[in-house]
Amino acid sequence: MNTLELKNKIIKQIDCLNKEDLEKVYNQLLEILNSANHYKLSDEENEAIDSALKVSEDGETYTQNEVIFEARNKFPNLKFK
């Protein structure tokens, strides 16, 4: 089902609702739409990402095995697959 078909199906279902149910759906929809706002990174998060990208560009990367080794040392109770 494409987007237009889905929207039309929702509109038809909403059109059949009584006032009480329509208000419930409206409130739920508002809740969903308001919570769908995109997360905005803090300055600290942006700086951390920029730093990580620079380290990567400079070739200062770690192998998967090195990361797992460090993680196991830091978090001994963590289970790895």
C-alpha atoms as a PDB file:
ATOM      1  CA  MET A   1       0.000   0.000   0.000  1.00  0.00           C
ATOM      2  CA  ASN A   2       1.517   3.347  -1.018  1.00  0.00           C
ATOM      3  CA  THR A   3       1.448   6.534   1.041  1.00  0.00           C
ATOM      4  CA  LEU A   4      -1.560   8.057  -0.696  1.00  0.00           C
ATOM      5  CA  GLU A   5      -3.616   4.886  -0.269  1.00  0.00           C
ATOM      6  CA  LEU A   6      -2.663   4.698   3.391  1.00  0.00           C
ATOM      7  CA  LYS A   7      -3.628   8.335   3.990  1.00  0.00           C
ATOM      8  CA  ASN A   8      -6.969   7.843   2.240  1.00  0.00           C
ATOM      9  CA  LYS A   9      -7.690   4.729   4.288  1.00  0.00           C
ATOM     10  CA  ILE A  10      -6.954   6.614   7.523  1.00  0.00           C
ATOM     11  CA  ILE A  11      -9.149   9.535   6.452  1.00  0.00           C
ATOM     12  CA  LYS A  12     -12.062   7.183   5.683  1.00  0.00           C
ATOM     13  CA  GLN A  13     -11.735   5.506   9.068  1.00  0.00           C
ATOM     14  CA  ILE A  14     -11.545   8.851  10.874  1.00  0.00           C
ATOM     15  CA  ASP A  15     -14.564  10.122   8.951  1.00  0.00           C
ATOM     16  CA  CYS A  16     -16.679   7.297  10.415  1.00  0.00           C
ATOM     17  CA  LEU A  17     -15.814   8.053  14.057  1.00  0.00           C
ATOM     18  CA  ASN A  18     -18.252   9.552  16.528  1.00  0.00           C
ATOM     19  CA  LYS A  19     -17.267  12.752  18.347  1.00  0.00           C
ATOM     20  CA  GLU A  20     -15.912  10.995  21.453  1.00  0.00           C
ATOM     21  CA  ASP A  21     -13.743   8.582  19.495  1.00  0.00           C
ATOM     22  CA  LEU A  22     -12.615  11.359  17.151  1.00  0.00           C
ATOM     23  CA  GLU A  23     -11.369  13.378  20.123  1.00  0.00           C
ATOM     24  CA  LYS A  24      -9.455  10.340  21.416  1.00  0.00           C
ATOM     25  CA  VAL A  25      -7.826   9.752  18.027  1.00  0.00           C
ATOM     26  CA  TYR A  26      -7.056  13.449  17.675  1.00  0.00           C
ATOM     27  CA  ASN A  27      -5.334  13.575  21.060  1.00  0.00           C
ATOM     28  CA  GLN A  28      -3.349  10.416  20.331  1.00  0.00           C
ATOM     29  CA  LEU A  29      -2.314  11.742  16.935  1.00  0.00           C
ATOM     30  CA  LEU A  30      -1.176  15.034  18.452  1.00  0.00           C
ATOM     31  CA  GLU A  31       0.864  13.119  21.004  1.00  0.00           C
ATOM     32  CA  ILE A  32       2.563  11.122  18.252  1.00  0.00           C
ATOM     33  CA  LEU A  33       3.227  14.168  16.092  1.00  0.00           C
ATOM     34  CA  ASN A  34       4.638  16.168  18.983  1.00  0.00           C
ATOM     35  CA  SER A  35       6.924  13.328  20.050  1.00  0.00           C
ATOM     36  CA  ALA A  36       8.227  12.925  16.497  1.00  0.00           C
ATOM     37  CA  ASN A  37      10.410  16.029  16.812  1.00  0.00           C
ATOM     38  CA  HIS A  38      13.976  15.361  15.848  1.00  0.00           C
ATOM     39  CA  TYR A  39      16.549  15.169  18.578  1.00  0.00           C
ATOM     40  CA  LYS A  40      18.904  18.146  18.613  1.00  0.00           C
ATOM     41  CA  LEU A  41      22.476  17.366  19.563  1.00  0.00           C
ATOM     42  CA  SER A  42      24.040  19.403  22.341  1.00  0.00           C
ATOM     43  CA  ASP A  43      27.261  21.336  21.744  1.00  0.00           C
ATOM     44  CA  GLU A  44      29.113  18.691  23.752  1.00  0.00           C
ATOM     45  CA  GLU A  45      27.692  15.884  21.587  1.00  0.00           C
ATOM     46  CA  ASN A  46      28.600  17.743  18.387  1.00  0.00           C
ATOM     47  CA  GLU A  47      32.142  18.271  19.668  1.00  0.00           C
ATOM     48  CA  ALA A  48      32.477  14.573  20.537  1.00  0.00           C
ATOM     49  CA  ILE A  49      31.307  13.555  17.061  1.00  0.00           C
ATOM     50  CA  ASP A  50      33.667  16.042  15.392  1.00  0.00           C
ATOM     51  CA  SER A  51      36.538  14.750  17.520  1.00  0.00           C
ATOM     52  CA  ALA A  52      35.755  11.135  16.638  1.00  0.00           C
ATOM     53  CA  LEU A  53      35.577  11.976  12.931  1.00  0.00           C
ATOM     54  CA  LYS A  54      38.949  13.749  13.076  1.00  0.00           C
ATOM     55  CA  VAL A  55      40.553  10.788  14.867  1.00  0.00           C
ATOM     56  CA  SER A  56      39.146   8.478  12.209  1.00  0.00           C
ATOM     57  CA  GLU A  57      40.330  10.722   9.360  1.00  0.00           C
ATOM     58  CA  ASP A  58      43.811  10.747  10.918  1.00  0.00           C
ATOM     59  CA  GLY A  59      43.834   6.951  10.755  1.00  0.00           C
ATOM     60  CA  GLU A  60      43.720   6.494  14.513  1.00  0.00           C
ATOM     61  CA  THR A  61      41.207   3.685  14.455  1.00  0.00           C
ATOM     62  CA  TYR A  62      40.808   0.439  16.375  1.00  0.00           C
ATOM     63  CA  THR A  63      40.093  -3.027  15.087  1.00  0.00           C
ATOM     64  CA  GLN A  64      36.979  -4.856  16.200  1.00  0.00           C
ATOM     65  CA  ASN A  65      39.115  -7.186  18.307  1.00  0.00           C
ATOM     66  CA  GLU A  66      40.777  -4.243  20.078  1.00  0.00           C
ATOM     67  CA  VAL A  67      37.392  -2.724  20.895  1.00  0.00           C
ATOM     68  CA  ILE A  68      36.055  -6.031  22.220  1.00  0.00           C
ATOM     69  CA  PHE A  69      39.201  -6.555  24.314  1.00  0.00           C
ATOM     70  CA  GLU A  70      38.887  -3.093  25.884  1.00  0.00           C
ATOM     71  CA  ALA A  71      35.145  -3.515  26.438  1.00  0.00           C
ATOM     72  CA  ARG A  72      35.637  -6.894  28.125  1.00  0.00           C
ATOM     73  CA  ASN A  73      38.250  -5.368  30.432  1.00  0.00           C
ATOM     74  CA  LYS A  74      36.052  -2.412  31.284  1.00  0.00           C
ATOM     75  CA  PHE A  75      32.772  -4.372  31.530  1.00  0.00           C
ATOM     76  CA  PRO A  76      33.643  -7.939  32.569  1.00  0.00           C
ATOM     77  CA  ASN A  77      29.980  -8.969  33.031  1.00  0.00           C
ATOM     78  CA  LEU A  78      29.035  -7.921  29.514  1.00  0.00           C
ATOM     79  CA  LYS A  79      28.192 -10.875  27.248  1.00  0.00           C
ATOM     80  CA  PHE A  80      29.474 -10.778  23.670  1.00  0.00           C
ATOM     81  CA  LYS A  81      28.123 -12.819  20.789  1.00  0.00           C
END
